[in-house]
């Protein structure tokens, strides 16, 4: 199925740029809400996962100062 010229439209560049900016803003907003939801679901270090200090991690990774 091809596109006929009668099916195509043109929009001003400024409007296209504004629409792209709005899409970026909405994606960031959705990303933030997803991150907040995940953060509220995650119990954090008290959920049985081991916790380490910066020094312990640096030592384990072999990047001691």
PDB file of N, CA and C in Angstrom:
ATOM      1  N   UNK A   1       0.843  -1.163   0.000  1.00  0.00           N
ATOM      2  CA  UNK A   1       0.000   0.000   0.000  1.00  0.00           C
ATOM      3  C   UNK A   1       0.894   1.233   0.000  1.00  0.00           C
ATOM      4  N   UNK A   2       0.801   2.034  -1.016  1.00  0.00           N
ATOM      5  CA  UNK A   2       1.610   3.233  -1.117  1.00  0.00           C
ATOM      6  C   UNK A   2       0.886   4.449  -0.574  1.00  0.00           C
ATOM      7  N   UNK A   3       1.644   5.486  -0.369  1.00  0.00           N
ATOM      8  CA  UNK A   3       1.070   6.735   0.113  1.00  0.00           C
ATOM      9  C   UNK A   3       0.854   7.651  -1.074  1.00  0.00           C
ATOM     10  N   UNK A   4      -0.345   8.101  -1.223  1.00  0.00           N
ATOM     11  CA  UNK A   4      -0.650   9.033  -2.296  1.00  0.00           C
ATOM     12  C   UNK A   4      -0.445  10.454  -1.787  1.00  0.00           C
ATOM     13  N   UNK A   5      -0.115  11.358  -2.680  1.00  0.00           N
ATOM     14  CA  UNK A   5       0.137  12.734  -2.271  1.00  0.00           C
ATOM     15  C   UNK A   5      -1.093  13.361  -1.623  1.00  0.00           C
ATOM     16  N   UNK A   6      -2.282  12.889  -1.963  1.00  0.00           N
ATOM     17  CA  UNK A   6      -3.490  13.441  -1.357  1.00  0.00           C
ATOM     18  C   UNK A   6      -3.625  13.019   0.112  1.00  0.00           C
ATOM     19  N   UNK A   7      -2.895  11.972   0.545  1.00  0.00           N
ATOM     20  CA  UNK A   7      -2.947  11.505   1.929  1.00  0.00           C
ATOM     21  C   UNK A   7      -1.943  12.228   2.824  1.00  0.00           C
ATOM     22  N   UNK A   8      -1.072  13.004   2.238  1.00  0.00           N
ATOM     23  CA  UNK A   8      -0.018  13.660   3.005  1.00  0.00           C
ATOM     24  C   UNK A   8      -0.418  15.086   3.356  1.00  0.00           C
ATOM     25  N   UNK A   9       0.083  15.551   4.486  1.00  0.00           N
ATOM     26  CA  UNK A   9      -0.165  16.926   4.901  1.00  0.00           C
ATOM     27  C   UNK A   9       1.168  17.559   5.260  1.00  0.00           C
ATOM     28  N   UNK A  10       1.190  18.857   5.364  1.00  0.00           N
ATOM     29  CA  UNK A  10       2.390  19.549   5.823  1.00  0.00           C
ATOM     30  C   UNK A  10       2.022  20.380   7.042  1.00  0.00           C
ATOM     31  N   UNK A  11       2.988  20.509   7.953  1.00  0.00           N
ATOM     32  CA  UNK A  11       2.791  21.365   9.115  1.00  0.00           C
ATOM     33  C   UNK A  11       4.015  22.259   9.227  1.00  0.00           C
ATOM     34  N   UNK A  12       3.843  23.428   9.790  1.00  0.00           N
ATOM     35  CA  UNK A  12       4.990  24.330   9.954  1.00  0.00           C
ATOM     36  C   UNK A  12       6.050  23.715  10.877  1.00  0.00           C
ATOM     37  N   UNK A  13       7.309  24.024  10.603  1.00  0.00           N
ATOM     38  CA  UNK A  13       8.431  23.501  11.391  1.00  0.00           C
ATOM     39  C   UNK A  13       8.266  23.840  12.875  1.00  0.00           C
ATOM     40  N   UNK A  14       7.835  25.050  13.186  1.00  0.00           N
ATOM     41  CA  UNK A  14       7.673  25.458  14.584  1.00  0.00           C
ATOM     42  C   UNK A  14       6.660  24.561  15.303  1.00  0.00           C
ATOM     43  N   UNK A  15       5.592  24.204  14.609  1.00  0.00           N
ATOM     44  CA  UNK A  15       4.588  23.329  15.222  1.00  0.00           C
ATOM     45  C   UNK A  15       5.161  21.931  15.442  1.00  0.00           C
ATOM     46  N   UNK A  16       5.916  21.426  14.478  1.00  0.00           N
ATOM     47  CA  UNK A  16       6.552  20.121  14.619  1.00  0.00           C
ATOM     48  C   UNK A  16       7.511  20.121  15.805  1.00  0.00           C
ATOM     49  N   UNK A  17       8.319  21.168  15.913  1.00  0.00           N
ATOM     50  CA  UNK A  17       9.257  21.267  17.027  1.00  0.00           C
ATOM     51  C   UNK A  17       8.531  21.340  18.362  1.00  0.00           C
ATOM     52  N   UNK A  18       7.421  22.075  18.394  1.00  0.00           N
ATOM     53  CA  UNK A  18       6.636  22.175  19.632  1.00  0.00           C
ATOM     54  C   UNK A  18       6.040  20.818  20.009  1.00  0.00           C
ATOM     55  N   UNK A  19       5.561  20.087  19.019  1.00  0.00           N
ATOM     56  CA  UNK A  19       5.009  18.755  19.293  1.00  0.00           C
ATOM     57  C   UNK A  19       6.086  17.804  19.797  1.00  0.00           C
ATOM     58  N   UNK A  20       7.273  17.861  19.208  1.00  0.00           N
ATOM     59  CA  UNK A  20       8.379  17.009  19.675  1.00  0.00           C
ATOM     60  C   UNK A  20       8.759  17.354  21.106  1.00  0.00           C
ATOM     61  N   UNK A  21       8.796  18.653  21.425  1.00  0.00           N
ATOM     62  CA  UNK A  21       9.127  19.079  22.786  1.00  0.00           C
ATOM     63  C   UNK A  21       8.073  18.574  23.774  1.00  0.00           C
ATOM     64  N   UNK A  22       6.815  18.628  23.380  1.00  0.00           N
ATOM     65  CA  UNK A  22       5.740  18.142  24.247  1.00  0.00           C
ATOM     66  C   UNK A  22       5.854  16.637  24.473  1.00  0.00           C
ATOM     67  N   UNK A  23       6.204  15.889  23.441  1.00  0.00           N
ATOM     68  CA  UNK A  23       6.394  14.439  23.578  1.00  0.00           C
ATOM     69  C   UNK A  23       7.536  14.156  24.546  1.00  0.00           C
ATOM     70  N   UNK A  24       8.650  14.892  24.426  1.00  0.00           N
ATOM     71  CA  UNK A  24       9.779  14.708  25.355  1.00  0.00           C
ATOM     72  C   UNK A  24       9.340  15.003  26.789  1.00  0.00           C
ATOM     73  N   UNK A  25       8.581  16.097  26.979  1.00  0.00           N
ATOM     74  CA  UNK A  25       8.125  16.462  28.315  1.00  0.00           C
ATOM     75  C   UNK A  25       7.226  15.366  28.892  1.00  0.00           C
ATOM     76  N   UNK A  26       6.316  14.860  28.090  1.00  0.00           N
ATOM     77  CA  UNK A  26       5.416  13.808  28.561  1.00  0.00           C
ATOM     78  C   UNK A  26       6.172  12.529  28.885  1.00  0.00           C
ATOM     79  N   UNK A  27       7.166  12.188  28.076  1.00  0.00           N
ATOM     80  CA  UNK A  27       7.962  10.987  28.361  1.00  0.00           C
ATOM     81  C   UNK A  27       8.715  11.134  29.673  1.00  0.00           C
ATOM     82  N   UNK A  28       9.281  12.332  29.927  1.00  0.00           N
ATOM     83  CA  UNK A  28       9.971  12.562  31.198  1.00  0.00           C
ATOM     84  C   UNK A  28       8.995  12.439  32.369  1.00  0.00           C
ATOM     85  N   UNK A  29       7.806  13.016  32.202  1.00  0.00           N
ATOM     86  CA  UNK A  29       6.798  12.958  33.259  1.00  0.00           C
ATOM     87  C   UNK A  29       6.396  11.511  33.556  1.00  0.00           C
ATOM     88  N   UNK A  30       6.178  10.738  32.519  1.00  0.00           N
ATOM     89  CA  UNK A  30       5.829   9.322  32.706  1.00  0.00           C
ATOM     90  C   UNK A  30       6.996   8.585  33.354  1.00  0.00           C
ATOM     91  N   UNK A  31       8.212   8.871  32.902  1.00  0.00           N
ATOM     92  CA  UNK A  31       9.391   8.234  33.487  1.00  0.00           C
ATOM     93  C   UNK A  31       9.513   8.528  34.968  1.00  0.00           C
ATOM     94  N   UNK A  32       9.262   9.788  35.338  1.00  0.00           N
ATOM     95  CA  UNK A  32       9.325  10.154  36.756  1.00  0.00           C
ATOM     96  C   UNK A  32       8.261   9.419  37.562  1.00  0.00           C
ATOM     97  N   UNK A  33       7.054   9.346  37.023  1.00  0.00           N
ATOM     98  CA  UNK A  33       5.990   8.681  37.779  1.00  0.00           C
ATOM     99  C   UNK A  33       6.276   7.187  37.919  1.00  0.00           C
ATOM    100  N   UNK A  34       6.844   6.577  36.890  1.00  0.00           N
ATOM    101  CA  UNK A  34       7.207   5.157  36.974  1.00  0.00           C
ATOM    102  C   UNK A  34       8.304   4.975  38.017  1.00  0.00           C
ATOM    103  N   UNK A  35       9.299   5.855  38.011  1.00  0.00           N
ATOM    104  CA  UNK A  35      10.391   5.751  38.985  1.00  0.00           C
ATOM    105  C   UNK A  35       9.872   5.928  40.410  1.00  0.00           C
ATOM    106  N   UNK A  36       8.965   6.893  40.609  1.00  0.00           N
ATOM    107  CA  UNK A  36       8.404   7.095  41.947  1.00  0.00           C
ATOM    108  C   UNK A  36       7.618   5.876  42.400  1.00  0.00           C
ATOM    109  N   UNK A  37       6.835   5.309  41.491  1.00  0.00           N
ATOM    110  CA  UNK A  37       6.051   4.118  41.834  1.00  0.00           C
ATOM    111  C   UNK A  37       6.980   2.980  42.228  1.00  0.00           C
ATOM    112  N   UNK A  38       8.051   2.784  41.475  1.00  0.00           N
ATOM    113  CA  UNK A  38       8.997   1.711  41.807  1.00  0.00           C
ATOM    114  C   UNK A  38       9.678   1.969  43.135  1.00  0.00           C
ATOM    115  N   UNK A  39      10.006   3.231  43.402  1.00  0.00           N
ATOM    116  CA  UNK A  39      10.674   3.571  44.658  1.00  0.00           C
ATOM    117  C   UNK A  39       9.761   3.307  45.847  1.00  0.00           C
ATOM    118  N   UNK A  40       8.483   3.561  45.694  1.00  0.00           N
ATOM    119  CA  UNK A  40       7.552   3.321  46.794  1.00  0.00           C
ATOM    120  C   UNK A  40       7.312   1.833  47.009  1.00  0.00           C
ATOM    121  N   UNK A  41       7.419   1.048  45.957  1.00  0.00           N
ATOM    122  CA  UNK A  41       7.219  -0.391  46.070  1.00  0.00           C
ATOM    123  C   UNK A  41       8.447  -1.049  46.699  1.00  0.00           C
ATOM    124  N   UNK A  42       9.641  -0.508  46.405  1.00  0.00           N
ATOM    125  CA  UNK A  42      10.891  -1.075  46.911  1.00  0.00           C
ATOM    126  C   UNK A  42      11.038  -0.738  48.391  1.00  0.00           C
ATOM    127  N   UNK A  43      11.198  -1.767  49.202  1.00  0.00           N
ATOM    128  CA  UNK A  43      11.337  -1.558  50.640  1.00  0.00           C
ATOM    129  C   UNK A  43      12.715  -1.029  51.025  1.00  0.00           C
ATOM    130  N   UNK A  44      13.654  -1.087  50.121  1.00  0.00           N
ATOM    131  CA  UNK A  44      14.983  -0.586  50.416  1.00  0.00           C
ATOM    132  C   UNK A  44      15.841  -1.628  51.103  1.00  0.00           C
ATOM    133  N   UNK A  45      16.894  -1.152  51.764  1.00  0.00           N
ATOM    134  CA  UNK A  45      17.862  -2.067  52.375  1.00  0.00           C
ATOM    135  C   UNK A  45      17.271  -3.021  53.413  1.00  0.00           C
ATOM    136  N   UNK A  46      16.162  -2.692  53.978  1.00  0.00           N
ATOM    137  CA  UNK A  46      15.573  -3.563  54.985  1.00  0.00           C
ATOM    138  C   UNK A  46      14.916  -4.799  54.401  1.00  0.00           C
ATOM    139  N   UNK A  47      14.948  -4.966  53.102  1.00  0.00           N
ATOM    140  CA  UNK A  47      14.256  -6.105  52.485  1.00  0.00           C
ATOM    141  C   UNK A  47      15.122  -7.361  52.415  1.00  0.00           C
ATOM    142  N   UNK A  48      16.210  -7.389  53.165  1.00  0.00           N
ATOM    143  CA  UNK A  48      17.059  -8.574  53.187  1.00  0.00           C
ATOM    144  C   UNK A  48      18.266  -8.474  52.271  1.00  0.00           C
ATOM    145  N   UNK A  49      18.349  -7.446  51.455  1.00  0.00           N
ATOM    146  CA  UNK A  49      19.502  -7.266  50.570  1.00  0.00           C
ATOM    147  C   UNK A  49      20.684  -6.759  51.397  1.00  0.00           C
ATOM    148  N   UNK A  50      21.876  -7.223  51.085  1.00  0.00           N
ATOM    149  CA  UNK A  50      23.037  -6.750  51.845  1.00  0.00           C
ATOM    150  C   UNK A  50      23.307  -5.279  51.562  1.00  0.00           C
ATOM    151  N   UNK A  51      23.816  -4.580  52.562  1.00  0.00           N
ATOM    152  CA  UNK A  51      24.200  -3.183  52.397  1.00  0.00           C
ATOM    153  C   UNK A  51      25.687  -3.048  52.667  1.00  0.00           C
ATOM    154  N   UNK A  52      26.329  -2.126  51.965  1.00  0.00           N
ATOM    155  CA  UNK A  52      27.765  -1.929  52.082  1.00  0.00           C
ATOM    156  C   UNK A  52      28.069  -0.441  52.184  1.00  0.00           C
ATOM    157  N   UNK A  53      29.163  -0.136  52.879  1.00  0.00           N
ATOM    158  CA  UNK A  53      29.623   1.246  52.912  1.00  0.00           C
ATOM    159  C   UNK A  53      30.405   1.512  51.628  1.00  0.00           C
ATOM    160  N   UNK A  54      30.695   2.771  51.370  1.00  0.00           N
ATOM    161  CA  UNK A  54      31.488   3.123  50.182  1.00  0.00           C
ATOM    162  C   UNK A  54      32.855   2.438  50.220  1.00  0.00           C
ATOM    163  N   UNK A  55      33.452   2.409  51.422  1.00  0.00           N
ATOM    164  CA  UNK A  55      34.774   1.798  51.569  1.00  0.00           C
ATOM    165  C   UNK A  55      34.730   0.302  51.277  1.00  0.00           C
ATOM    166  N   UNK A  56      33.683  -0.361  51.759  1.00  0.00           N
ATOM    167  CA  UNK A  56      33.537  -1.796  51.502  1.00  0.00           C
ATOM    168  C   UNK A  56      33.365  -2.080  50.008  1.00  0.00           C
ATOM    169  N   UNK A  57      32.567  -1.268  49.345  1.00  0.00           N
ATOM    170  CA  UNK A  57      32.383  -1.447  47.906  1.00  0.00           C
ATOM    171  C   UNK A  57      33.675  -1.182  47.145  1.00  0.00           C
ATOM    172  N   UNK A  58      34.362  -0.106  47.505  1.00  0.00           N
ATOM    173  CA  UNK A  58      35.617   0.224  46.837  1.00  0.00           C
ATOM    174  C   UNK A  58      36.623  -0.910  47.013  1.00  0.00           C
ATOM    175  N   UNK A  59      36.687  -1.467  48.207  1.00  0.00           N
ATOM    176  CA  UNK A  59      37.609  -2.579  48.465  1.00  0.00           C
ATOM    177  C   UNK A  59      37.220  -3.799  47.638  1.00  0.00           C
ATOM    178  N   UNK A  60      35.943  -4.108  47.599  1.00  0.00           N
ATOM    179  CA  UNK A  60      35.475  -5.273  46.837  1.00  0.00           C
ATOM    180  C   UNK A  60      35.739  -5.107  45.351  1.00  0.00           C
ATOM    181  N   UNK A  61      35.652  -3.879  44.852  1.00  0.00           N
ATOM    182  CA  UNK A  61      35.872  -3.622  43.444  1.00  0.00           C
ATOM    183  C   UNK A  61      37.338  -3.356  43.114  1.00  0.00           C
ATOM    184  N   UNK A  62      38.162  -3.331  44.147  1.00  0.00           N
ATOM    185  CA  UNK A  62      39.600  -3.110  43.941  1.00  0.00           C
ATOM    186  C   UNK A  62      39.949  -1.693  43.518  1.00  0.00           C
ATOM    187  N   UNK A  63      39.196  -0.725  44.022  1.00  0.00           N
ATOM    188  CA  UNK A  63      39.471   0.670  43.645  1.00  0.00           C
ATOM    189  C   UNK A  63      39.742   1.517  44.880  1.00  0.00           C
ATOM    190  N   UNK A  64      40.447   0.933  45.834  1.00  0.00           N
ATOM    191  CA  UNK A  64      40.784   1.677  47.048  1.00  0.00           C
ATOM    192  C   UNK A  64      41.651   2.868  46.689  1.00  0.00           C
ATOM    193  N   UNK A  65      41.475   3.915  47.479  1.00  0.00           N
ATOM    194  CA  UNK A  65      42.303   5.116  47.241  1.00  0.00           C
ATOM    195  C   UNK A  65      43.602   5.000  47.994  1.00  0.00           C
TER     196      UNK A  65
END
